[in-house]
Amino acid sequence: MAWYCYLAYFIAGLFLANGVPHFVHGISGERFQSPFASPPAVGESSPLVNVIWGMVNFLIGYVLIFTIGDFACGFTLDVLMAGLGILVAAVGLALQFGRVRGS
């Protein structure tokens, strides 16, 4: 498989992980940081904005995984690259939101 497919799977993992906190806070009815708040990524957006932003992230991740290359589930390099993207995003988001939210 071409190298750009693995890069797409890694980036898909970033988007999938980023969608989780926005979607969960949104459906819980809580305000949460988003790029659309003022200041971006520090101010909080409404639950509706966060649900929509979370779904957009999930959609981008889905499109990257299932339209580029031939993604194979199981113990494959495809899954490893998506998982690595999820891990990198999760650590980055934990650090960012920990600073912003003061935990």
PDB file of N, CA and C in Angstrom:
ATOM      1  N   MET A   1       0.843  -1.180   0.000  1.00  0.00           N
ATOM      2  CA  MET A   1       0.000   0.000   0.000  1.00  0.00           C
ATOM      3  C   MET A   1       0.889   1.244   0.000  1.00  0.00           C
ATOM      4  N   ALA A   2       0.417   2.304  -0.596  1.00  0.00           N
ATOM      5  CA  ALA A   2       1.182   3.547  -0.712  1.00  0.00           C
ATOM      6  C   ALA A   2       1.321   4.220   0.656  1.00  0.00           C
ATOM      7  N   TRP A   3       2.411   4.957   0.824  1.00  0.00           N
ATOM      8  CA  TRP A   3       2.702   5.613   2.099  1.00  0.00           C
ATOM      9  C   TRP A   3       1.624   6.599   2.502  1.00  0.00           C
ATOM     10  N   TYR A   4       1.000   7.254   1.539  1.00  0.00           N
ATOM     11  CA  TYR A   4       0.001   8.272   1.868  1.00  0.00           C
ATOM     12  C   TYR A   4      -1.259   7.657   2.480  1.00  0.00           C
ATOM     13  N   CYS A   5      -1.506   6.381   2.232  1.00  0.00           N
ATOM     14  CA  CYS A   5      -2.635   5.714   2.877  1.00  0.00           C
ATOM     15  C   CYS A   5      -2.408   5.617   4.374  1.00  0.00           C
ATOM     16  N   TYR A   6      -1.186   5.264   4.772  1.00  0.00           N
ATOM     17  CA  TYR A   6      -0.864   5.183   6.199  1.00  0.00           C
ATOM     18  C   TYR A   6      -0.924   6.556   6.848  1.00  0.00           C
ATOM     19  N   LEU A   7      -0.489   7.568   6.139  1.00  0.00           N
ATOM     20  CA  LEU A   7      -0.587   8.933   6.650  1.00  0.00           C
ATOM     21  C   LEU A   7      -2.061   9.318   6.819  1.00  0.00           C
ATOM     22  N   ALA A   8      -2.896   8.958   5.872  1.00  0.00           N
ATOM     23  CA  ALA A   8      -4.333   9.244   5.966  1.00  0.00           C
ATOM     24  C   ALA A   8      -4.945   8.538   7.174  1.00  0.00           C
ATOM     25  N   TYR A   9      -4.534   7.306   7.451  1.00  0.00           N
ATOM     26  CA  TYR A   9      -5.069   6.571   8.601  1.00  0.00           C
ATOM     27  C   TYR A   9      -4.632   7.212   9.909  1.00  0.00           C
ATOM     28  N   PHE A  10      -3.390   7.693   9.955  1.00  0.00           N
ATOM     29  CA  PHE A  10      -2.892   8.395  11.141  1.00  0.00           C
ATOM     30  C   PHE A  10      -3.711   9.668  11.372  1.00  0.00           C
ATOM     31  N   ILE A  11      -3.916  10.440  10.330  1.00  0.00           N
ATOM     32  CA  ILE A  11      -4.687  11.684  10.437  1.00  0.00           C
ATOM     33  C   ILE A  11      -6.142  11.371  10.799  1.00  0.00           C
ATOM     34  N   ALA A  12      -6.677  10.283  10.267  1.00  0.00           N
ATOM     35  CA  ALA A  12      -8.034   9.865  10.631  1.00  0.00           C
ATOM     36  C   ALA A  12      -8.116   9.604  12.129  1.00  0.00           C
ATOM     37  N   GLY A  13      -7.101   8.969  12.687  1.00  0.00           N
ATOM     38  CA  GLY A  13      -7.064   8.728  14.135  1.00  0.00           C
ATOM     39  C   GLY A  13      -7.081  10.022  14.923  1.00  0.00           C
ATOM     40  N   LEU A  14      -6.367  11.038  14.430  1.00  0.00           N
ATOM     41  CA  LEU A  14      -6.378  12.349  15.090  1.00  0.00           C
ATOM     42  C   LEU A  14      -7.799  12.916  15.130  1.00  0.00           C
ATOM     43  N   PHE A  15      -8.482  12.861  13.996  1.00  0.00           N
ATOM     44  CA  PHE A  15      -9.844  13.393  13.925  1.00  0.00           C
ATOM     45  C   PHE A  15     -10.817  12.580  14.788  1.00  0.00           C
ATOM     46  N   LEU A  16     -10.693  11.263  14.757  1.00  0.00           N
ATOM     47  CA  LEU A  16     -11.597  10.425  15.553  1.00  0.00           C
ATOM     48  C   LEU A  16     -11.449  10.702  17.039  1.00  0.00           C
ATOM     49  N   ALA A  17     -10.206  10.820  17.512  1.00  0.00           N
ATOM     50  CA  ALA A  17      -9.986  11.102  18.932  1.00  0.00           C
ATOM     51  C   ALA A  17     -10.485  12.498  19.294  1.00  0.00           C
ATOM     52  N   ASN A  18     -10.286  13.466  18.421  1.00  0.00           N
ATOM     53  CA  ASN A  18     -10.735  14.827  18.699  1.00  0.00           C
ATOM     54  C   ASN A  18     -12.260  14.923  18.742  1.00  0.00           C
ATOM     55  N   GLY A  19     -12.940  14.069  18.021  1.00  0.00           N
ATOM     56  CA  GLY A  19     -14.394  14.106  18.025  1.00  0.00           C
ATOM     57  C   GLY A  19     -15.011  13.665  19.343  1.00  0.00           C
ATOM     58  N   VAL A  20     -14.326  12.798  20.069  1.00  0.00           N
ATOM     59  CA  VAL A  20     -14.901  12.215  21.287  1.00  0.00           C
ATOM     60  C   VAL A  20     -15.237  13.256  22.356  1.00  0.00           C
ATOM     61  N   PRO A  21     -14.289  14.093  22.815  1.00  0.00           N
ATOM     62  CA  PRO A  21     -14.653  15.017  23.900  1.00  0.00           C
ATOM     63  C   PRO A  21     -15.717  16.035  23.491  1.00  0.00           C
ATOM     64  N   HIS A  22     -15.668  16.478  22.254  1.00  0.00           N
ATOM     65  CA  HIS A  22     -16.667  17.444  21.802  1.00  0.00           C
ATOM     66  C   HIS A  22     -18.057  16.808  21.772  1.00  0.00           C
ATOM     67  N   PHE A  23     -18.147  15.615  21.209  1.00  0.00           N
ATOM     68  CA  PHE A  23     -19.430  14.932  21.106  1.00  0.00           C
ATOM     69  C   PHE A  23     -19.983  14.584  22.488  1.00  0.00           C
ATOM     70  N   VAL A  24     -19.132  14.047  23.365  1.00  0.00           N
ATOM     71  CA  VAL A  24     -19.588  13.629  24.697  1.00  0.00           C
ATOM     72  C   VAL A  24     -20.052  14.832  25.520  1.00  0.00           C
ATOM     73  N   HIS A  25     -19.274  15.904  25.531  1.00  0.00           N
ATOM     74  CA  HIS A  25     -19.702  17.087  26.264  1.00  0.00           C
ATOM     75  C   HIS A  25     -20.991  17.656  25.662  1.00  0.00           C
ATOM     76  N   GLY A  26     -21.062  17.667  24.352  1.00  0.00           N
ATOM     77  CA  GLY A  26     -22.246  18.204  23.695  1.00  0.00           C
ATOM     78  C   GLY A  26     -23.505  17.435  24.033  1.00  0.00           C
ATOM     79  N   ILE A  27     -23.471  16.100  23.929  1.00  0.00           N
ATOM     80  CA  ILE A  27     -24.679  15.325  24.216  1.00  0.00           C
ATOM     81  C   ILE A  27     -24.986  15.291  25.711  1.00  0.00           C
ATOM     82  N   SER A  28     -23.996  15.673  26.531  1.00  0.00           N
ATOM     83  CA  SER A  28     -24.233  15.776  27.975  1.00  0.00           C
ATOM     84  C   SER A  28     -24.810  17.135  28.343  1.00  0.00           C
ATOM     85  N   GLY A  29     -24.938  18.016  27.350  1.00  0.00           N
ATOM     86  CA  GLY A  29     -25.502  19.338  27.596  1.00  0.00           C
ATOM     87  C   GLY A  29     -24.515  20.313  28.215  1.00  0.00           C
ATOM     88  N   GLU A  30     -23.230  20.024  28.123  1.00  0.00           N
ATOM     89  CA  GLU A  30     -22.204  20.873  28.724  1.00  0.00           C
ATOM     90  C   GLU A  30     -21.505  21.722  27.675  1.00  0.00           C
ATOM     91  N   ARG A  31     -21.139  22.927  28.089  1.00  0.00           N
ATOM     92  CA  ARG A  31     -20.322  23.784  27.233  1.00  0.00           C
ATOM     93  C   ARG A  31     -18.900  23.231  27.254  1.00  0.00           C
ATOM     94  N   PHE A  32     -18.174  23.431  26.158  1.00  0.00           N
ATOM     95  CA  PHE A  32     -16.807  22.893  26.065  1.00  0.00           C
ATOM     96  C   PHE A  32     -16.024  23.708  25.052  1.00  0.00           C
ATOM     97  N   GLN A  33     -14.709  23.695  25.184  1.00  0.00           N
ATOM     98  CA  GLN A  33     -13.835  24.424  24.270  1.00  0.00           C
ATOM     99  C   GLN A  33     -14.016  23.920  22.844  1.00  0.00           C
ATOM    100  N   SER A  34     -13.938  24.843  21.906  1.00  0.00           N
ATOM    101  CA  SER A  34     -13.941  24.465  20.495  1.00  0.00           C
ATOM    102  C   SER A  34     -13.207  25.541  19.708  1.00  0.00           C
ATOM    103  N   PRO A  35     -12.852  25.239  18.468  1.00  0.00           N
ATOM    104  CA  PRO A  35     -12.177  26.246  17.649  1.00  0.00           C
ATOM    105  C   PRO A  35     -13.082  27.411  17.275  1.00  0.00           C
ATOM    106  N   PHE A  36     -14.383  27.308  17.565  1.00  0.00           N
ATOM    107  CA  PHE A  36     -15.332  28.348  17.187  1.00  0.00           C
ATOM    108  C   PHE A  36     -15.629  29.316  18.322  1.00  0.00           C
ATOM    109  N   ALA A  37     -15.039  29.063  19.498  1.00  0.00           N
ATOM    110  CA  ALA A  37     -15.265  29.927  20.655  1.00  0.00           C
ATOM    111  C   ALA A  37     -14.324  31.121  20.595  1.00  0.00           C
ATOM    112  N   SER A  38     -14.514  32.033  21.531  1.00  0.00           N
ATOM    113  CA  SER A  38     -13.636  33.195  21.600  1.00  0.00           C
ATOM    114  C   SER A  38     -13.012  33.247  22.988  1.00  0.00           C
ATOM    115  N   PRO A  39     -11.700  33.138  23.087  1.00  0.00           N
ATOM    116  CA  PRO A  39     -10.701  32.839  22.065  1.00  0.00           C
ATOM    117  C   PRO A  39     -10.759  31.367  21.646  1.00  0.00           C
ATOM    118  N   PRO A  40     -10.355  31.085  20.411  1.00  0.00           N
ATOM    119  CA  PRO A  40     -10.416  29.712  19.909  1.00  0.00           C
ATOM    120  C   PRO A  40      -9.653  28.726  20.790  1.00  0.00           C
ATOM    121  N   ALA A  41     -10.272  27.575  21.028  1.00  0.00           N
ATOM    122  CA  ALA A  41      -9.707  26.464  21.798  1.00  0.00           C
ATOM    123  C   ALA A  41      -9.540  26.784  23.280  1.00  0.00           C
ATOM    124  N   VAL A  42      -9.982  27.961  23.716  1.00  0.00           N
ATOM    125  CA  VAL A  42      -9.917  28.322  25.135  1.00  0.00           C
ATOM    126  C   VAL A  42     -11.325  28.639  25.637  1.00  0.00           C
ATOM    127  N   GLY A  43     -12.046  29.482  24.892  1.00  0.00           N
ATOM    128  CA  GLY A  43     -13.425  29.790  25.245  1.00  0.00           C
ATOM    129  C   GLY A  43     -14.312  28.578  25.013  1.00  0.00           C
ATOM    130  N   GLU A  44     -15.491  28.616  25.591  1.00  0.00           N
ATOM    131  CA  GLU A  44     -16.397  27.468  25.475  1.00  0.00           C
ATOM    132  C   GLU A  44     -17.526  27.741  24.488  1.00  0.00           C
ATOM    133  N   SER A  45     -17.881  26.709  23.755  1.00  0.00           N
ATOM    134  CA  SER A  45     -18.992  26.772  22.806  1.00  0.00           C
ATOM    135  C   SER A  45     -20.186  26.030  23.385  1.00  0.00           C
ATOM    136  N   SER A  46     -21.335  26.259  22.792  1.00  0.00           N
ATOM    137  CA  SER A  46     -22.569  25.619  23.258  1.00  0.00           C
ATOM    138  C   SER A  46     -22.522  24.111  23.018  1.00  0.00           C
ATOM    139  N   PRO A  47     -23.378  23.374  23.731  1.00  0.00           N
ATOM    140  CA  PRO A  47     -23.452  21.929  23.497  1.00  0.00           C
ATOM    141  C   PRO A  47     -23.760  21.579  22.043  1.00  0.00           C
ATOM    142  N   LEU A  48     -24.660  22.324  21.410  1.00  0.00           N
ATOM    143  CA  LEU A  48     -25.011  22.039  20.018  1.00  0.00           C
ATOM    144  C   LEU A  48     -23.806  22.187  19.091  1.00  0.00           C
ATOM    145  N   VAL A  49     -23.043  23.245  19.276  1.00  0.00           N
ATOM    146  CA  VAL A  49     -21.834  23.445  18.460  1.00  0.00           C
ATOM    147  C   VAL A  49     -20.880  22.280  18.662  1.00  0.00           C
ATOM    148  N   ASN A  50     -20.737  21.812  19.901  1.00  0.00           N
ATOM    149  CA  ASN A  50     -19.815  20.715  20.171  1.00  0.00           C
ATOM    150  C   ASN A  50     -20.297  19.393  19.593  1.00  0.00           C
ATOM    151  N   VAL A  51     -21.607  19.135  19.622  1.00  0.00           N
ATOM    152  CA  VAL A  51     -22.121  17.912  18.985  1.00  0.00           C
ATOM    153  C   VAL A  51     -21.829  17.947  17.491  1.00  0.00           C
ATOM    154  N   ILE A  52     -22.094  19.082  16.869  1.00  0.00           N
ATOM    155  CA  ILE A  52     -21.855  19.199  15.424  1.00  0.00           C
ATOM    156  C   ILE A  52     -20.372  19.069  15.116  1.00  0.00           C
ATOM    157  N   TRP A  53     -19.520  19.736  15.899  1.00  0.00           N
ATOM    158  CA  TRP A  53     -18.074  19.666  15.680  1.00  0.00           C
ATOM    159  C   TRP A  53     -17.564  18.239  15.890  1.00  0.00           C
ATOM    160  N   GLY A  54     -18.069  17.549  16.894  1.00  0.00           N
ATOM    161  CA  GLY A  54     -17.683  16.161  17.118  1.00  0.00           C
ATOM    162  C   GLY A  54     -18.072  15.282  15.939  1.00  0.00           C
ATOM    163  N   MET A  55     -19.288  15.463  15.420  1.00  0.00           N
ATOM    164  CA  MET A  55     -19.740  14.668  14.278  1.00  0.00           C
ATOM    165  C   MET A  55     -18.942  14.981  13.020  1.00  0.00           C
ATOM    166  N   VAL A  56     -18.570  16.235  12.820  1.00  0.00           N
ATOM    167  CA  VAL A  56     -17.727  16.590  11.668  1.00  0.00           C
ATOM    168  C   VAL A  56     -16.382  15.869  11.773  1.00  0.00           C
ATOM    169  N   ASN A  57     -15.807  15.833  12.973  1.00  0.00           N
ATOM    170  CA  ASN A  57     -14.543  15.116  13.169  1.00  0.00           C
ATOM    171  C   ASN A  57     -14.697  13.630  12.880  1.00  0.00           C
ATOM    172  N   PHE A  58     -15.792  13.023  13.365  1.00  0.00           N
ATOM    173  CA  PHE A  58     -16.035  11.602  13.094  1.00  0.00           C
ATOM    174  C   PHE A  58     -16.190  11.347  11.594  1.00  0.00           C
ATOM    175  N   LEU A  59     -16.899  12.232  10.917  1.00  0.00           N
ATOM    176  CA  LEU A  59     -17.118  12.083   9.478  1.00  0.00           C
ATOM    177  C   LEU A  59     -15.798  12.181   8.709  1.00  0.00           C
ATOM    178  N   ILE A  60     -14.964  13.131   9.060  1.00  0.00           N
ATOM    179  CA  ILE A  60     -13.661  13.269   8.393  1.00  0.00           C
ATOM    180  C   ILE A  60     -12.820  12.017   8.627  1.00  0.00           C
ATOM    181  N   GLY A  61     -12.793  11.528   9.866  1.00  0.00           N
ATOM    182  CA  GLY A  61     -12.051  10.303  10.164  1.00  0.00           C
ATOM    183  C   GLY A  61     -12.560   9.122   9.366  1.00  0.00           C
ATOM    184  N   TYR A  62     -13.872   8.983   9.293  1.00  0.00           N
ATOM    185  CA  TYR A  62     -14.489   7.902   8.528  1.00  0.00           C
ATOM    186  C   TYR A  62     -14.105   7.977   7.050  1.00  0.00           C
ATOM    187  N   VAL A  63     -14.226   9.166   6.480  1.00  0.00           N
ATOM    188  CA  VAL A  63     -13.906   9.342   5.062  1.00  0.00           C
ATOM    189  C   VAL A  63     -12.443   9.007   4.793  1.00  0.00           C
ATOM    190  N   LEU A  64     -11.544   9.452   5.665  1.00  0.00           N
ATOM    191  CA  LEU A  64     -10.117   9.166   5.468  1.00  0.00           C
ATOM    192  C   LEU A  64      -9.822   7.673   5.548  1.00  0.00           C
ATOM    193  N   ILE A  65     -10.492   6.979   6.450  1.00  0.00           N
ATOM    194  CA  ILE A  65     -10.227   5.545   6.604  1.00  0.00           C
ATOM    195  C   ILE A  65     -10.832   4.725   5.460  1.00  0.00           C
ATOM    196  N   PHE A  66     -12.061   5.021   5.100  1.00  0.00           N
ATOM    197  CA  PHE A  66     -12.762   4.136   4.180  1.00  0.00           C
ATOM    198  C   PHE A  66     -12.772   4.570   2.720  1.00  0.00           C
ATOM    199  N   THR A  67     -12.154   5.700   2.389  1.00  0.00           N
ATOM    200  CA  THR A  67     -12.091   6.080   0.978  1.00  0.00           C
ATOM    201  C   THR A  67     -10.670   6.131   0.439  1.00  0.00           C
ATOM    202  N   ILE A  68      -9.685   6.039   1.317  1.00  0.00           N
ATOM    203  CA  ILE A  68      -8.286   6.073   0.873  1.00  0.00           C
ATOM    204  C   ILE A  68      -7.672   4.702   1.125  1.00  0.00           C
ATOM    205  N   GLY A  69      -7.130   4.134   0.098  1.00  0.00           N
ATOM    206  CA  GLY A  69      -6.520   2.813   0.221  1.00  0.00           C
ATOM    207  C   GLY A  69      -7.571   1.745   0.450  1.00  0.00           C
ATOM    208  N   ASP A  70      -7.123   0.619   1.029  1.00  0.00           N
ATOM    209  CA  ASP A  70      -8.003  -0.506   1.313  1.00  0.00           C
ATOM    210  C   ASP A  70      -7.793  -0.885   2.770  1.00  0.00           C
ATOM    211  N   PHE A  71      -8.440  -0.135   3.675  1.00  0.00           N
ATOM    212  CA  PHE A  71      -8.261  -0.316   5.113  1.00  0.00           C
ATOM    213  C   PHE A  71      -8.624  -1.732   5.519  1.00  0.00           C
ATOM    214  N   ALA A  72      -7.715  -2.377   6.243  1.00  0.00           N
ATOM    215  CA  ALA A  72      -7.942  -3.742   6.705  1.00  0.00           C
ATOM    216  C   ALA A  72      -7.957  -3.772   8.226  1.00  0.00           C
ATOM    217  N   CYS A  73      -9.059  -4.281   8.787  1.00  0.00           N
ATOM    218  CA  CYS A  73      -9.163  -4.415  10.235  1.00  0.00           C
ATOM    219  C   CYS A  73      -8.359  -5.622  10.697  1.00  0.00           C
ATOM    220  N   GLY A  74      -8.102  -5.687  11.981  1.00  0.00           N
ATOM    221  CA  GLY A  74      -7.308  -6.760  12.548  1.00  0.00           C
ATOM    222  C   GLY A  74      -5.983  -6.193  13.003  1.00  0.00           C
ATOM    223  N   PHE A  75      -5.011  -7.067  13.213  1.00  0.00           N
ATOM    224  CA  PHE A  75      -3.693  -6.622  13.652  1.00  0.00           C
ATOM    225  C   PHE A  75      -2.880  -6.286  12.404  1.00  0.00           C
ATOM    226  N   THR A  76      -3.136  -5.087  11.870  1.00  0.00           N
ATOM    227  CA  THR A  76      -2.492  -4.657  10.639  1.00  0.00           C
ATOM    228  C   THR A  76      -1.827  -3.310  10.842  1.00  0.00           C
ATOM    229  N   LEU A  77      -0.975  -2.940   9.898  1.00  0.00           N
ATOM    230  CA  LEU A  77      -0.335  -1.635   9.938  1.00  0.00           C
ATOM    231  C   LEU A  77      -1.374  -0.530   9.786  1.00  0.00           C
ATOM    232  N   ASP A  78      -2.460  -0.803   9.078  1.00  0.00           N
ATOM    233  CA  ASP A  78      -3.540   0.170   8.916  1.00  0.00           C
ATOM    234  C   ASP A  78      -4.107   0.553  10.279  1.00  0.00           C
ATOM    235  N   VAL A  79      -4.466  -0.443  11.070  1.00  0.00           N
ATOM    236  CA  VAL A  79      -5.039  -0.211  12.397  1.00  0.00           C
ATOM    237  C   VAL A  79      -4.001   0.409  13.323  1.00  0.00           C
ATOM    238  N   LEU A  80      -2.757  -0.023  13.213  1.00  0.00           N
ATOM    239  CA  LEU A  80      -1.691   0.537  14.038  1.00  0.00           C
ATOM    240  C   LEU A  80      -1.524   2.036  13.775  1.00  0.00           C
ATOM    241  N   MET A  81      -1.568   2.447  12.525  1.00  0.00           N
ATOM    242  CA  MET A  81      -1.413   3.865  12.203  1.00  0.00           C
ATOM    243  C   MET A  81      -2.598   4.686  12.717  1.00  0.00           C
ATOM    244  N   ALA A  82      -3.807   4.170  12.560  1.00  0.00           N
ATOM    245  CA  ALA A  82      -4.981   4.878  13.097  1.00  0.00           C
ATOM    246  C   ALA A  82      -4.895   4.941  14.622  1.00  0.00           C
ATOM    247  N   GLY A  83      -4.496   3.850  15.240  1.00  0.00           N
ATOM    248  CA  GLY A  83      -4.334   3.821  16.700  1.00  0.00           C
ATOM    249  C   GLY A  83      -3.265   4.777  17.190  1.00  0.00           C
ATOM    250  N   LEU A  84      -2.185   4.888  16.442  1.00  0.00           N
ATOM    251  CA  LEU A  84      -1.131   5.828  16.804  1.00  0.00           C
ATOM    252  C   LEU A  84      -1.645   7.266  16.708  1.00  0.00           C
ATOM    253  N   GLY A  85      -2.426   7.555  15.688  1.00  0.00           N
ATOM    254  CA  GLY A  85      -3.040   8.886  15.568  1.00  0.00           C
ATOM    255  C   GLY A  85      -3.962   9.166  16.742  1.00  0.00           C
ATOM    256  N   ILE A  86      -4.736   8.172  17.150  1.00  0.00           N
ATOM    257  CA  ILE A  86      -5.632   8.331  18.303  1.00  0.00           C
ATOM    258  C   ILE A  86      -4.821   8.597  19.565  1.00  0.00           C
ATOM    259  N   LEU A  87      -3.743   7.846  19.752  1.00  0.00           N
ATOM    260  CA  LEU A  87      -2.905   8.027  20.936  1.00  0.00           C
ATOM    261  C   LEU A  87      -2.269   9.412  20.976  1.00  0.00           C
ATOM    262  N   VAL A  88      -1.706   9.851  19.861  1.00  0.00           N
ATOM    263  CA  VAL A  88      -1.072  11.172  19.799  1.00  0.00           C
ATOM    264  C   VAL A  88      -2.098  12.263  20.090  1.00  0.00           C
ATOM    265  N   ALA A  89      -3.279  12.158  19.492  1.00  0.00           N
ATOM    266  CA  ALA A  89      -4.320  13.163  19.734  1.00  0.00           C
ATOM    267  C   ALA A  89      -4.790  13.119  21.178  1.00  0.00           C
ATOM    268  N   ALA A  90      -4.966  11.932  21.731  1.00  0.00           N
ATOM    269  CA  ALA A  90      -5.456  11.800  23.102  1.00  0.00           C
ATOM    270  C   ALA A  90      -4.488  12.439  24.100  1.00  0.00           C
ATOM    271  N   VAL A  91      -3.204  12.197  23.920  1.00  0.00           N
ATOM    272  CA  VAL A  91      -2.215  12.797  24.815  1.00  0.00           C
ATOM    273  C   VAL A  91      -2.204  14.319  24.655  1.00  0.00           C
ATOM    274  N   GLY A  92      -2.203  14.787  23.416  1.00  0.00           N
ATOM    275  CA  GLY A  92      -2.217  16.231  23.169  1.00  0.00           C
ATOM    276  C   GLY A  92      -3.466  16.898  23.725  1.00  0.00           C
ATOM    277  N   LEU A  93      -4.625  16.278  23.520  1.00  0.00           N
ATOM    278  CA  LEU A  93      -5.871  16.840  24.035  1.00  0.00           C
ATOM    279  C   LEU A  93      -5.897  16.831  25.557  1.00  0.00           C
ATOM    280  N   ALA A  94      -5.401  15.766  26.170  1.00  0.00           N
ATOM    281  CA  ALA A  94      -5.363  15.708  27.629  1.00  0.00           C
ATOM    282  C   ALA A  94      -4.504  16.834  28.199  1.00  0.00           C
ATOM    283  N   LEU A  95      -3.367  17.077  27.589  1.00  0.00           N
ATOM    284  CA  LEU A  95      -2.495  18.164  28.056  1.00  0.00           C
ATOM    285  C   LEU A  95      -3.148  19.521  27.830  1.00  0.00           C
ATOM    286  N   GLN A  96      -3.706  19.751  26.647  1.00  0.00           N
ATOM    287  CA  GLN A  96      -4.329  21.034  26.322  1.00  0.00           C
ATOM    288  C   GLN A  96      -5.534  21.312  27.223  1.00  0.00           C
ATOM    289  N   PHE A  97      -6.459  20.361  27.292  1.00  0.00           N
ATOM    290  CA  PHE A  97      -7.663  20.591  28.083  1.00  0.00           C
ATOM    291  C   PHE A  97      -7.349  20.613  29.582  1.00  0.00           C
ATOM    292  N   GLY A  98      -6.322  19.901  30.000  1.00  0.00           N
ATOM    293  CA  GLY A  98      -5.897  19.969  31.402  1.00  0.00           C
ATOM    294  C   GLY A  98      -5.420  21.366  31.763  1.00  0.00           C
ATOM    295  N   ARG A  99      -4.677  22.007  30.854  1.00  0.00           N
ATOM    296  CA  ARG A  99      -4.228  23.381  31.089  1.00  0.00           C
ATOM    297  C   ARG A  99      -5.393  24.357  31.073  1.00  0.00           C
ATOM    298  N   VAL A 100      -6.234  24.236  30.062  1.00  0.00           N
ATOM    299  CA  VAL A 100      -7.331  25.196  29.887  1.00  0.00           C
ATOM    300  C   VAL A 100      -8.376  25.056  30.986  1.00  0.00           C
ATOM    301  N   ARG A 101      -8.709  23.816  31.347  1.00  0.00           N
ATOM    302  CA  ARG A 101      -9.763  23.583  32.316  1.00  0.00           C
ATOM    303  C   ARG A 101      -9.242  23.592  33.750  1.00  0.00           C
ATOM    304  N   GLY A 102      -7.917  23.685  33.927  1.00  0.00           N
ATOM    305  CA  GLY A 102      -7.326  23.825  35.249  1.00  0.00           C
ATOM    306  C   GLY A 102      -7.300  22.574  36.093  1.00  0.00           C
ATOM    307  N   SER A 103      -7.257  21.391  35.453  1.00  0.00           N
ATOM    308  CA  SER A 103      -7.174  20.165  36.247  1.00  0.00           C
ATOM    309  C   SER A 103      -5.763  19.662  36.328  1.00  0.00           C
TER     310      SER A 103
END
